[in-house]
Amino acid sequence: MDIRQKVLAVACGAALMITIIELVRRRKLKEEYSWLWLLAGATILVIGLHYPLLVWITKFVGAGFTSSTLFFFGLFFLLALALQFSVKISSLETQLKNLAQKVALQNAQEPAQTPEDMNRPKE
């Protein structure tokens, strides 16, 4: 691996990790979402510093080129990210349904107001 590629990989991995930590610190990103991004940054750092590890992984999985291995794991990362978001969306959908049902029950228990009642001044 060329030294310029190594420096670029390490810089990208470090920048990603610093950015994620800063976003969590400023409360712009929740901790529950940060673990996957920190893992990606750490992986970029490790591969940038230890290129023979990427070559070994490529041989282990039986890929022909190291770039194929990188694309495979990049795709895997995106799938894991999509799965995480799908789980969160499902949870939020359930919470929204429960909240809507509670509001509907509360509205049904209150006496119905006519438009005249709404326009009357409160005593």
Protein backbone atom coordinates (compact mmCIF):
# COMPACT_ATOMS: atom_id res chain seq x y z
CA MET A 1 0.00 0.00 0.00
CA ASP A 2 1.33 3.39 -0.98
CA ILE A 3 2.11 5.77 1.89
CA ARG A 4 -0.34 8.35 0.49
CA GLN A 5 -3.15 5.79 0.55
CA LYS A 6 -2.24 4.82 4.09
CA VAL A 7 -2.23 8.45 5.25
CA LEU A 8 -5.55 9.09 3.53
CA ALA A 9 -7.17 6.01 5.09
CA VAL A 10 -5.92 6.90 8.57
CA ALA A 11 -7.00 10.54 8.16
CA CYS A 12 -10.49 9.51 6.98
CA GLY A 13 -10.91 7.00 9.81
CA ALA A 14 -9.73 9.47 12.45
CA ALA A 15 -11.88 12.27 11.03
CA LEU A 16 -14.94 10.01 11.05
CA MET A 17 -14.38 8.96 14.66
CA ILE A 18 -13.72 12.53 15.85
CA THR A 19 -16.82 13.76 14.02
CA ILE A 20 -19.01 11.06 15.57
CA ILE A 21 -17.68 11.71 19.07
CA GLU A 22 -18.25 15.45 18.63
CA LEU A 23 -21.82 14.89 17.37
CA VAL A 24 -22.57 12.71 20.39
CA ARG A 25 -21.00 15.26 22.72
CA ARG A 26 -23.15 18.05 21.25
CA ARG A 27 -26.23 15.81 21.49
CA LYS A 28 -26.83 15.93 17.74
CA LEU A 29 -26.42 12.15 17.49
CA LYS A 30 -27.70 9.65 20.05
CA GLU A 31 -25.32 7.12 21.53
CA GLU A 32 -27.47 4.27 20.25
CA TYR A 33 -26.70 5.28 16.66
CA SER A 34 -23.05 6.11 17.18
CA TRP A 35 -21.72 2.61 17.80
CA LEU A 36 -22.03 1.52 14.18
CA TRP A 37 -20.31 4.66 12.92
CA LEU A 38 -17.51 4.35 15.49
CA LEU A 39 -17.04 0.75 14.42
CA ALA A 40 -16.75 1.87 10.80
CA GLY A 41 -14.17 4.51 11.72
CA ALA A 42 -12.15 2.04 13.76
CA THR A 43 -12.23 -0.46 10.90
CA ILE A 44 -10.96 2.17 8.46
CA LEU A 45 -8.16 3.04 10.89
CA VAL A 46 -7.13 -0.58 11.40
CA ILE A 47 -7.15 -1.38 7.69
CA GLY A 48 -5.29 1.84 6.93
CA LEU A 49 -2.59 0.99 9.43
CA HIS A 50 -2.41 -2.76 8.73
CA TYR A 51 -2.89 -3.36 5.02
CA PRO A 52 -1.70 -7.01 5.29
CA LEU A 53 -4.80 -7.62 7.42
CA LEU A 54 -6.99 -6.58 4.47
CA VAL A 55 -5.00 -8.89 2.19
CA TRP A 56 -5.47 -11.75 4.67
CA ILE A 57 -9.23 -11.08 4.93
CA THR A 58 -9.45 -11.00 1.13
CA LYS A 59 -7.76 -14.40 0.89
CA PHE A 60 -9.86 -15.77 3.76
CA VAL A 61 -13.18 -14.85 2.11
CA GLY A 62 -11.91 -15.97 -1.27
CA ALA A 63 -12.22 -12.64 -3.05
CA GLY A 64 -9.97 -11.87 -5.99
CA PHE A 65 -9.11 -8.28 -5.12
CA THR A 66 -8.87 -6.24 -1.94
CA SER A 67 -11.24 -3.70 -3.48
CA SER A 68 -13.88 -6.44 -3.76
CA THR A 69 -13.50 -7.12 -0.06
CA LEU A 70 -13.86 -3.42 0.75
CA PHE A 71 -17.01 -3.14 -1.38
CA PHE A 72 -18.46 -6.26 0.23
CA PHE A 73 -17.94 -4.95 3.75
CA GLY A 74 -19.14 -1.49 2.70
CA LEU A 75 -22.37 -3.07 1.47
CA PHE A 76 -22.64 -5.05 4.69
CA PHE A 77 -22.22 -1.81 6.67
CA LEU A 78 -25.03 -0.15 4.70
CA LEU A 79 -27.30 -3.15 5.27
CA ALA A 80 -26.59 -3.05 9.01
CA LEU A 81 -27.37 0.68 9.02
CA ALA A 82 -30.64 0.11 7.15
CA LEU A 83 -31.59 -2.67 9.58
CA GLN A 84 -30.90 -0.41 12.57
CA PHE A 85 -33.08 2.34 11.09
CA SER A 86 -35.85 -0.15 10.26
CA VAL A 87 -35.92 -1.38 13.84
CA LYS A 88 -36.10 2.20 15.14
CA ILE A 89 -38.85 3.16 12.68
CA SER A 90 -40.88 0.09 13.69
CA SER A 91 -40.54 1.05 17.33
CA LEU A 92 -41.58 4.64 16.65
CA GLU A 93 -44.55 3.45 14.59
CA THR A 94 -45.77 1.31 17.49
CA GLN A 95 -45.31 4.20 19.93
CA LEU A 96 -47.24 6.54 17.62
CA LYS A 97 -50.12 4.05 17.29
CA ASN A 98 -50.31 3.63 21.08
CA LEU A 99 -50.23 7.39 21.62
CA ALA A 100 -52.98 7.97 19.04
CA GLN A 101 -55.13 5.33 20.74
CA LYS A 102 -54.63 6.94 24.16
CA VAL A 103 -55.57 10.37 22.82
CA ALA A 104 -58.66 8.93 21.13
CA LEU A 105 -59.73 7.27 24.39
CA GLN A 106 -59.21 10.49 26.35
CA ASN A 107 -61.22 12.47 23.80
CA ALA A 108 -64.02 9.89 23.92
CA GLN A 109 -64.24 10.17 27.72
CA GLU A 110 -64.61 13.98 27.69
CA PRO A 111 -68.11 15.37 27.12
CA ALA A 112 -68.70 16.47 23.54
CA GLN A 113 -68.62 20.23 23.04
CA THR A 114 -70.84 22.00 20.56
CA PRO A 115 -69.55 25.00 18.58
CA GLU A 116 -71.66 27.29 20.80
CA ASP A 117 -69.93 25.95 23.91
CA MET A 118 -66.53 26.71 22.42
CA ASN A 119 -67.43 30.34 21.67
CA ARG A 120 -68.85 31.08 25.13
CA PRO A 121 -66.56 32.93 27.51
CA LYS A 122 -65.29 30.81 30.37
CA GLU A 123 -66.58 31.69 33.81
